Structures are given as structure tokens and as C-alpha cells.
């Protein structure tokens, strides 16, 4: 299937190829970083609720 997609892209002109590449990159970045974004959001909630370890607490537990 990937070969078929590459063949289809070869038929496009350069302007359309760049558009397809742009949107493919947007989709890739979205799925690639979705886990990271959810992690950041959960950390933000922890910070707002003040349920984080301080530097001193961290080193005391080690």
C-alpha cells in the first residue's frame, strides 16, 4: 500500500506534492505528540492542585 501511495504522489505537480507533505507532517506530529500533550496536561493539573514534590522532598525520598 505504501508503494501505491508513493506512485500516486509521483503524478502530482510540485505544488500539490508540497501540500500533501505539509498535511502529512501535521497529521504525523499530531499523533506522535498526543501522548506527550496529555502528559503535559496532567502535569499542569498536578501543579495547579499543588500535588507535586518539592526539590527537597524529592531528595529526601532518595
Protein backbone atom coordinates (compact mmCIF):
# COMPACT_ATOMS: atom_id res chain seq x y z
CA UNK A 1 0.00 0.00 0.00
CA UNK A 2 2.87 2.41 0.77
CA UNK A 3 4.23 1.78 -2.73
CA UNK A 4 0.86 2.67 -4.23
CA UNK A 5 0.79 5.92 -2.28
CA UNK A 6 4.27 6.82 -3.46
CA UNK A 7 3.23 6.18 -7.05
CA UNK A 8 0.20 8.44 -6.69
CA UNK A 9 2.32 11.23 -5.24
CA UNK A 10 4.66 10.98 -8.23
CA UNK A 11 1.78 12.02 -10.52
CA UNK A 12 1.20 15.27 -8.63
CA UNK A 13 2.87 18.53 -9.57
CA UNK A 14 5.38 20.05 -7.16
CA UNK A 15 2.91 22.49 -5.62
CA UNK A 16 0.44 19.71 -4.80
CA UNK A 17 3.24 17.44 -3.53
CA UNK A 18 4.25 20.13 -1.05
CA UNK A 19 0.63 20.45 0.12
CA UNK A 20 0.35 16.70 0.66
CA UNK A 21 3.67 16.67 2.50
CA UNK A 22 2.60 19.58 4.71
CA UNK A 23 -0.63 17.89 5.77
CA UNK A 24 1.10 14.55 6.25
CA UNK A 25 3.57 16.23 8.61
CA UNK A 26 0.75 17.89 10.54
CA UNK A 27 -1.01 14.56 10.99
CA UNK A 28 2.20 12.80 11.94
CA UNK A 29 3.07 15.39 14.54
CA UNK A 30 -0.43 15.25 15.96
CA UNK A 31 -0.37 11.51 16.52
CA UNK A 32 3.28 11.48 17.54
CA UNK A 33 2.92 14.04 20.29
CA UNK A 34 -0.58 13.26 21.50
CA UNK A 35 0.75 11.19 24.42
CA UNK A 36 3.17 13.95 25.36
CA UNK A 37 0.43 16.60 25.26
CA UNK A 38 -1.79 14.53 27.55
CA UNK A 39 1.16 14.07 29.93
CA UNK A 40 1.75 17.83 29.98
CA UNK A 41 -1.94 18.49 30.68
CA UNK A 42 -1.96 16.05 33.59
CA UNK A 43 1.18 17.68 34.99
CA UNK A 44 -0.46 21.10 34.71
CA UNK A 45 -3.39 19.83 36.76
CA UNK A 46 -0.99 18.49 39.40
CA UNK A 47 0.78 21.83 39.58
CA UNK A 48 -2.50 23.74 39.93
CA UNK A 49 -3.59 21.38 42.71
CA UNK A 50 -0.17 21.76 44.33
CA UNK A 51 0.29 17.98 44.44
CA UNK A 52 3.90 17.95 43.30
CA UNK A 53 7.13 17.15 45.08
CA UNK A 54 9.44 19.97 46.00
CA UNK A 55 13.13 19.68 45.30
CA UNK A 56 13.81 18.95 48.95
CA UNK A 57 11.07 16.31 49.15
CA UNK A 58 12.47 14.58 46.11
CA UNK A 59 15.96 14.28 47.57
CA UNK A 60 14.69 13.24 50.99
CA UNK A 61 12.91 10.25 49.48
CA UNK A 62 16.03 9.03 47.67
